[in-house]
Amino acid sequence: MDLRSLSGLTLGITLLACVLAVLGMHFLARGRAQRAALVDRLTHTHRLPPAGRRRRFRSLDRRVRRTAPGRALERRLLATGLDITPGEFTAGLVAAVAGLWLLGQQVLAPFFGPLAALLAVWAALQFLSWQRQKRIERFINQLPELARILANATQAGLALRTAIGMAAEELEAPAGEELGKVAHQLAVGVPMDDALGELADRLPSRELVVLVTTLVLSNRAGGQVVGALRNLTETLEERKETRREIRTQLSQVSMTSYAVPVLGIGSLFLMNAVKDGALERMTGSPVGQACVIIAFGLYAVGFLLIRRMSRIDV
């Protein structure tokens, strides 16, 4: 092969490589654009968490979401409004369980390691319930303003779908976020009844059920919704003040319910501080272990009973 043929072959291979490189870059850019569009669409339909920060433990998150408890955990996290994925929560829970297990073994006695781990799981679930209830309370406080905006919008001649989108833009979180989800579901063709029903399932409360029922019935029958929303606004304002007064009156009882188990756990540290190794000797026999478990059970029963007696449904 002469020099001219070798030069032509080299030039041809170079041109072919350039063409393939350009095609590869084109397909790569199109794939990234399609992936970004898919993620954006799924985010708007609330099947993916909103972007904003780098997600961690992505492989763990995918494995957790495939399981039934993982899907239930995802629904609970969505109800709390926390910007955290099931994988991140699971990783944090595992770290807390391991840390409290080792801490209970080292500080108190080896027997208290598993008990401390169970306490970590219970505390994590209670934290989610507390965040969810806190979000529900904030949402209930915004319901009078929500009903007022919907009444004004419908009185101005706007459709209920448009009124919900307007309320989502004007109200702050959590009402704005939740109504934004409803507006996106309505935009992709979800029926009004189903979208509002999912809202009531995410944030269960009597006030929201009344509002959702009013909107659904008005949407089905095509009746006048303005008068019903005006009356509902006044009722929600009165219930809001009543709930605030009840919460103020029962604040001391609520603090007592948390003080009971804290005193019980604090007594263990006090016993171990007064006489080093007392807890290890006490839990060294089956009788001592049974007594500790019974004591923890009684403290839990006391906590639940106090919380039950202090719960007043308005």
Protein backbone atom coordinates (compact mmCIF):
# COMPACT_ATOMS: atom_id res chain seq x y z
CA MET A 1 0.00 0.00 0.00
CA ASP A 2 1.47 3.31 -1.11
CA LEU A 3 1.54 6.51 0.88
CA ARG A 4 -1.36 8.09 -1.02
CA SER A 5 -3.69 5.14 -0.31
CA LEU A 6 -2.70 5.12 3.35
CA SER A 7 -3.42 8.84 3.62
CA GLY A 8 -6.84 8.40 2.00
CA LEU A 9 -7.70 5.51 4.32
CA THR A 10 -6.64 7.50 7.36
CA LEU A 11 -8.68 10.49 6.23
CA GLY A 12 -11.72 8.30 5.63
CA ILE A 13 -11.45 6.67 9.06
CA THR A 14 -11.04 10.11 10.64
CA LEU A 15 -14.11 11.47 8.87
CA LEU A 16 -16.13 8.39 9.87
CA ALA A 17 -15.03 8.79 13.50
CA CYS A 18 -16.03 12.47 13.41
CA VAL A 19 -19.44 11.61 12.00
CA LEU A 20 -19.98 8.92 14.61
CA ALA A 21 -18.87 11.34 17.34
CA VAL A 22 -21.34 13.98 16.15
CA LEU A 23 -24.15 11.41 16.00
CA GLY A 24 -23.22 10.17 19.46
CA MET A 25 -23.32 13.67 20.90
CA HIS A 26 -26.66 14.28 19.17
CA PHE A 27 -28.23 11.11 20.61
CA LEU A 28 -26.73 11.87 24.05
CA ALA A 29 -28.18 15.38 24.08
CA ARG A 30 -31.57 14.13 22.93
CA GLY A 31 -31.56 11.41 25.58
CA ARG A 32 -30.74 13.91 28.29
CA ALA A 33 -33.50 16.22 27.07
CA GLN A 34 -36.02 13.37 27.07
CA ARG A 35 -34.93 12.32 30.57
CA ALA A 36 -35.22 15.91 31.85
CA ALA A 37 -38.70 16.20 30.32
CA LEU A 38 -39.76 12.90 31.92
CA VAL A 39 -38.44 13.92 35.33
CA ASP A 40 -40.17 17.30 35.02
CA ARG A 41 -43.47 15.66 34.08
CA LEU A 42 -43.29 13.13 36.90
CA THR A 43 -42.34 15.86 39.35
CA HIS A 44 -45.36 17.93 38.37
CA THR A 45 -47.62 14.89 38.81
CA HIS A 46 -45.92 14.32 42.21
CA ARG A 47 -44.55 10.89 41.51
CA LEU A 48 -41.06 12.15 42.15
CA PRO A 49 -39.82 14.53 44.85
CA PRO A 50 -39.27 18.10 43.66
CA ALA A 51 -35.81 18.96 42.50
CA GLY A 52 -33.77 21.46 44.43
CA ARG A 53 -30.98 19.59 46.10
CA ARG A 54 -28.88 16.57 45.37
CA ARG A 55 -30.55 13.35 46.48
CA ARG A 56 -28.51 10.84 48.42
CA PHE A 57 -28.79 7.07 48.76
CA ARG A 58 -30.45 6.78 45.34
CA SER A 59 -29.89 3.03 45.00
CA LEU A 60 -31.31 2.43 48.47
CA ASP A 61 -34.22 4.71 47.63
CA ARG A 62 -35.06 2.67 44.53
CA ARG A 63 -34.99 -0.58 46.52
CA VAL A 64 -37.15 0.86 49.29
CA ARG A 65 -39.76 2.20 46.86
CA ARG A 66 -40.22 -1.26 45.35
CA THR A 67 -41.50 -2.71 48.65
CA ALA A 68 -44.97 -2.26 50.15
CA PRO A 69 -43.62 -0.69 53.40
CA GLY A 70 -41.49 1.64 51.26
CA ARG A 71 -44.51 2.84 49.33
CA ALA A 72 -46.39 3.37 52.58
CA LEU A 73 -43.41 5.30 53.92
CA GLU A 74 -43.37 7.43 50.77
CA ARG A 75 -47.03 8.35 51.30
CA ARG A 76 -46.34 9.29 54.92
CA LEU A 77 -43.41 11.47 53.90
CA LEU A 78 -45.53 13.21 51.27
CA ALA A 79 -48.16 13.93 53.92
CA THR A 80 -45.56 15.52 56.20
CA GLY A 81 -44.26 17.88 53.51
CA LEU A 82 -40.63 17.06 54.37
CA ASP A 83 -38.09 17.35 51.56
CA ILE A 84 -36.72 13.86 52.13
CA THR A 85 -36.89 10.62 50.16
CA PRO A 86 -37.73 7.18 51.58
CA GLY A 87 -34.13 6.10 51.03
CA GLU A 88 -32.74 9.05 52.99
CA PHE A 89 -35.21 8.45 55.82
CA THR A 90 -34.37 4.74 55.91
CA ALA A 91 -30.63 5.45 56.02
CA GLY A 92 -31.11 7.97 58.83
CA LEU A 93 -33.30 5.54 60.76
CA VAL A 94 -30.75 2.74 60.45
CA ALA A 95 -28.00 5.08 61.68
CA ALA A 96 -30.16 6.21 64.63
CA VAL A 97 -31.04 2.63 65.55
CA ALA A 98 -27.40 1.54 65.46
CA GLY A 99 -26.25 4.60 67.42
CA LEU A 100 -28.85 4.25 70.18
CA TRP A 101 -28.23 0.50 70.38
CA LEU A 102 -24.54 1.07 71.03
CA LEU A 103 -25.26 3.99 73.37
CA GLY A 104 -27.71 1.95 75.43
CA GLN A 105 -25.23 -0.89 75.74
CA GLN A 106 -22.31 1.31 76.72
CA VAL A 107 -24.03 3.82 79.02
CA LEU A 108 -26.65 1.63 80.74
CA ALA A 109 -26.36 -2.13 80.19
CA PRO A 110 -26.28 -4.61 77.26
CA PHE A 111 -29.94 -5.41 77.86
CA PHE A 112 -30.97 -1.84 77.04
CA GLY A 113 -29.40 -1.92 73.57
CA PRO A 114 -32.39 -3.51 71.78
CA LEU A 115 -34.80 -1.41 73.85
CA ALA A 116 -33.00 1.75 72.76
CA ALA A 117 -33.20 0.58 69.13
CA LEU A 118 -36.97 0.07 69.45
CA LEU A 119 -37.19 3.50 71.05
CA ALA A 120 -35.44 4.98 67.99
CA VAL A 121 -37.94 3.36 65.61
CA TRP A 122 -40.88 4.55 67.71
CA ALA A 123 -39.45 8.07 67.93
CA ALA A 124 -38.97 8.21 64.15
CA LEU A 125 -42.57 7.14 63.50
CA GLN A 126 -43.82 9.59 66.12
CA PHE A 127 -41.81 12.34 64.44
CA LEU A 128 -43.52 11.63 61.13
CA SER A 129 -46.93 11.61 62.82
CA TRP A 130 -46.10 14.88 64.59
CA GLN A 131 -44.98 16.52 61.35
CA ARG A 132 -48.10 15.31 59.58
CA GLN A 133 -50.38 16.58 62.34
CA LYS A 134 -48.51 19.87 62.39
CA ARG A 135 -49.01 20.24 58.65
CA ILE A 136 -52.70 19.36 59.01
CA GLU A 137 -53.10 22.03 61.71
CA ARG A 138 -51.48 24.65 59.48
CA PHE A 139 -53.70 23.60 56.61
CA ILE A 140 -56.83 23.81 58.79
CA ASN A 141 -55.86 27.32 59.82
CA GLN A 142 -55.71 28.28 56.14
CA LEU A 143 -59.09 26.76 55.26
CA PRO A 144 -61.14 29.92 56.00
CA GLU A 145 -58.93 31.94 53.65
CA LEU A 146 -59.09 29.14 51.07
CA ALA A 147 -62.89 29.06 51.20
CA ARG A 148 -62.98 32.85 50.89
CA ILE A 149 -60.74 32.82 47.79
CA LEU A 150 -62.79 30.07 46.15
CA ALA A 151 -66.02 31.95 46.91
CA ASN A 152 -64.69 35.20 45.44
CA ALA A 153 -63.34 33.44 42.34
CA THR A 154 -66.55 31.55 41.64
CA GLN A 155 -68.61 34.69 42.27
CA ALA A 156 -66.50 36.44 39.62
CA GLY A 157 -67.57 33.78 37.13
CA LEU A 158 -64.44 31.60 37.15
CA ALA A 159 -64.67 27.83 36.91
CA LEU A 160 -63.88 25.77 39.97
CA ARG A 161 -60.72 24.36 38.35
CA THR A 162 -59.48 27.87 37.67
CA ALA A 163 -60.38 28.97 41.19
CA ILE A 164 -58.34 26.11 42.67
CA GLY A 165 -55.33 27.07 40.54
CA MET A 166 -55.67 30.69 41.64
CA ALA A 167 -55.85 29.66 45.31
CA ALA A 168 -52.74 27.51 44.86
CA GLU A 169 -50.81 30.56 43.63
CA GLU A 170 -52.03 32.96 46.33
CA LEU A 171 -51.85 30.78 49.44
CA GLU A 172 -48.65 29.85 51.24
CA ALA A 173 -47.59 26.33 52.19
CA PRO A 174 -49.03 23.88 52.99
CA ALA A 175 -52.34 24.91 51.37
CA GLY A 176 -50.59 26.31 48.29
CA GLU A 177 -48.54 23.15 47.79
CA GLU A 178 -51.48 20.80 48.26
CA LEU A 179 -53.75 22.80 45.97
CA GLY A 180 -50.91 22.90 43.45
CA LYS A 181 -50.95 19.10 43.41
CA VAL A 182 -54.71 19.15 42.87
CA ALA A 183 -54.35 21.69 40.05
CA HIS A 184 -51.68 19.59 38.31
CA GLN A 185 -53.84 16.47 38.61
CA LEU A 186 -56.79 18.32 37.11
CA ALA A 187 -54.55 19.57 34.28
CA VAL A 188 -53.59 16.01 33.28
CA GLY A 189 -57.22 14.84 33.23
CA VAL A 190 -57.82 13.47 36.73
CA PRO A 191 -61.49 13.88 37.71
CA MET A 192 -62.33 16.56 40.25
CA ASP A 193 -63.77 14.02 42.70
CA ASP A 194 -60.62 11.88 42.67
CA ALA A 195 -58.21 14.83 42.99
CA LEU A 196 -60.08 16.33 45.93
CA GLY A 197 -60.52 12.88 47.49
CA GLU A 198 -56.76 12.32 47.43
CA LEU A 199 -56.31 15.70 49.09
CA ALA A 200 -58.66 14.68 51.90
CA ASP A 201 -56.77 11.39 52.29
CA ARG A 202 -53.39 13.12 52.52
CA LEU A 203 -54.55 15.64 55.15
CA PRO A 204 -57.50 14.07 56.97
CA SER A 205 -59.61 16.48 59.03
CA ARG A 206 -63.29 17.17 59.51
CA GLU A 207 -63.00 20.70 58.20
CA LEU A 208 -61.33 19.59 54.98
CA VAL A 209 -63.86 16.79 54.48
CA VAL A 210 -66.69 19.33 54.75
CA LEU A 211 -65.00 21.63 52.23
CA VAL A 212 -64.24 18.79 49.81
CA THR A 213 -67.80 17.46 50.08
CA THR A 214 -69.19 20.93 49.37
CA LEU A 215 -67.00 21.36 46.30
CA VAL A 216 -67.67 17.87 44.96
CA LEU A 217 -71.45 18.14 45.34
CA SER A 218 -71.48 21.59 43.78
CA ASN A 219 -69.35 20.35 40.88
CA ARG A 220 -71.61 17.35 40.29
CA ALA A 221 -74.94 19.14 40.60
CA GLY A 222 -73.75 22.37 38.99
CA GLY A 223 -75.38 24.40 41.74
CA GLN A 224 -74.45 27.74 43.22
CA VAL A 225 -71.31 27.26 45.29
CA VAL A 226 -70.81 30.87 46.38
CA GLY A 227 -73.42 30.90 49.14
CA ALA A 228 -72.25 27.55 50.53
CA LEU A 229 -68.63 28.71 50.61
CA ARG A 230 -69.60 31.98 52.33
CA ASN A 231 -71.39 30.10 55.10
CA LEU A 232 -68.55 27.58 55.31
CA THR A 233 -66.01 30.38 55.73
CA GLU A 234 -67.81 31.69 58.82
CA THR A 235 -68.09 28.20 60.28
CA LEU A 236 -64.41 27.48 59.71
CA GLU A 237 -63.43 30.74 61.40
CA GLU A 238 -65.46 29.80 64.49
CA ARG A 239 -63.99 26.28 64.59
CA LYS A 240 -60.50 27.72 64.23
CA GLU A 241 -60.96 29.88 67.34
CA THR A 242 -62.51 26.98 69.27
CA ARG A 243 -59.61 24.67 68.42
CA ARG A 244 -57.13 27.34 69.51
CA GLU A 245 -58.83 27.75 72.90
CA ILE A 246 -58.95 23.99 73.48
CA ARG A 247 -55.29 23.61 72.55
CA THR A 248 -54.35 26.34 75.04
CA GLN A 249 -56.36 24.74 77.83
CA LEU A 250 -54.84 21.29 77.26
CA SER A 251 -51.22 22.35 76.76
CA GLN A 252 -50.28 21.44 80.34
CA VAL A 253 -51.84 17.98 80.00
CA SER A 254 -49.92 17.40 76.78
CA MET A 255 -46.64 18.31 78.46
CA THR A 256 -47.48 15.91 81.31
CA SER A 257 -47.90 13.03 78.86
CA TYR A 258 -44.35 13.57 77.59
CA ALA A 259 -42.92 14.15 81.08
CA VAL A 260 -44.05 10.71 82.32
CA PRO A 261 -41.79 8.57 80.05
CA VAL A 262 -38.94 11.09 80.32
CA LEU A 263 -38.97 10.75 84.10
CA GLY A 264 -38.93 6.96 83.77
CA ILE A 265 -35.92 6.94 81.45
CA GLY A 266 -34.19 9.59 83.57
CA SER A 267 -34.57 7.41 86.65
CA LEU A 268 -32.51 4.70 84.93
CA PHE A 269 -29.63 7.10 84.36
CA LEU A 270 -29.95 8.29 87.96
CA MET A 271 -29.79 4.73 89.32
CA ASN A 272 -26.74 3.96 87.23
CA ALA A 273 -25.06 7.21 88.29
CA VAL A 274 -25.68 6.59 92.01
CA LYS A 275 -24.24 3.10 91.86
CA ASP A 276 -22.19 2.13 88.85
CA GLY A 277 -23.20 -1.21 87.34
CA ALA A 278 -26.55 -1.40 89.16
CA LEU A 279 -28.54 -1.70 85.95
CA GLU A 280 -26.26 -4.39 84.57
CA ARG A 281 -26.69 -6.48 87.73
CA MET A 282 -30.44 -5.85 87.74
CA THR A 283 -30.89 -6.97 84.14
CA GLY A 284 -28.56 -9.94 84.57
CA SER A 285 -31.46 -12.17 85.64
CA PRO A 286 -34.73 -13.00 83.85
CA VAL A 287 -36.73 -11.54 86.74
CA GLY A 288 -34.98 -8.19 86.45
CA GLN A 289 -35.41 -8.12 82.68
CA ALA A 290 -39.12 -8.87 83.03
CA CYS A 291 -39.49 -6.07 85.59
CA VAL A 292 -37.81 -3.58 83.25
CA ILE A 293 -40.04 -4.59 80.34
CA ILE A 294 -43.17 -4.34 82.52
CA ALA A 295 -42.07 -0.91 83.75
CA PHE A 296 -41.54 0.34 80.20
CA GLY A 297 -44.93 -1.06 79.24
CA LEU A 298 -46.62 0.76 82.12
CA TYR A 299 -44.94 4.01 81.15
CA ALA A 300 -46.15 3.55 77.57
CA VAL A 301 -49.69 2.82 78.78
CA GLY A 302 -49.60 5.93 80.97
CA PHE A 303 -48.44 8.04 78.04
CA LEU A 304 -51.19 6.72 75.77
CA LEU A 305 -53.91 7.12 78.41
CA ILE A 306 -52.97 10.72 79.13
CA ARG A 307 -52.89 11.52 75.42
CA ARG A 308 -56.24 9.81 74.97
CA MET A 309 -57.92 11.69 77.80
CA SER A 310 -56.56 15.01 76.58
CA ARG A 311 -57.85 14.50 73.03
CA ILE A 312 -61.05 16.44 72.38
CA ASP A 313 -62.56 16.29 68.92
CA VAL A 314 -64.28 19.49 67.88
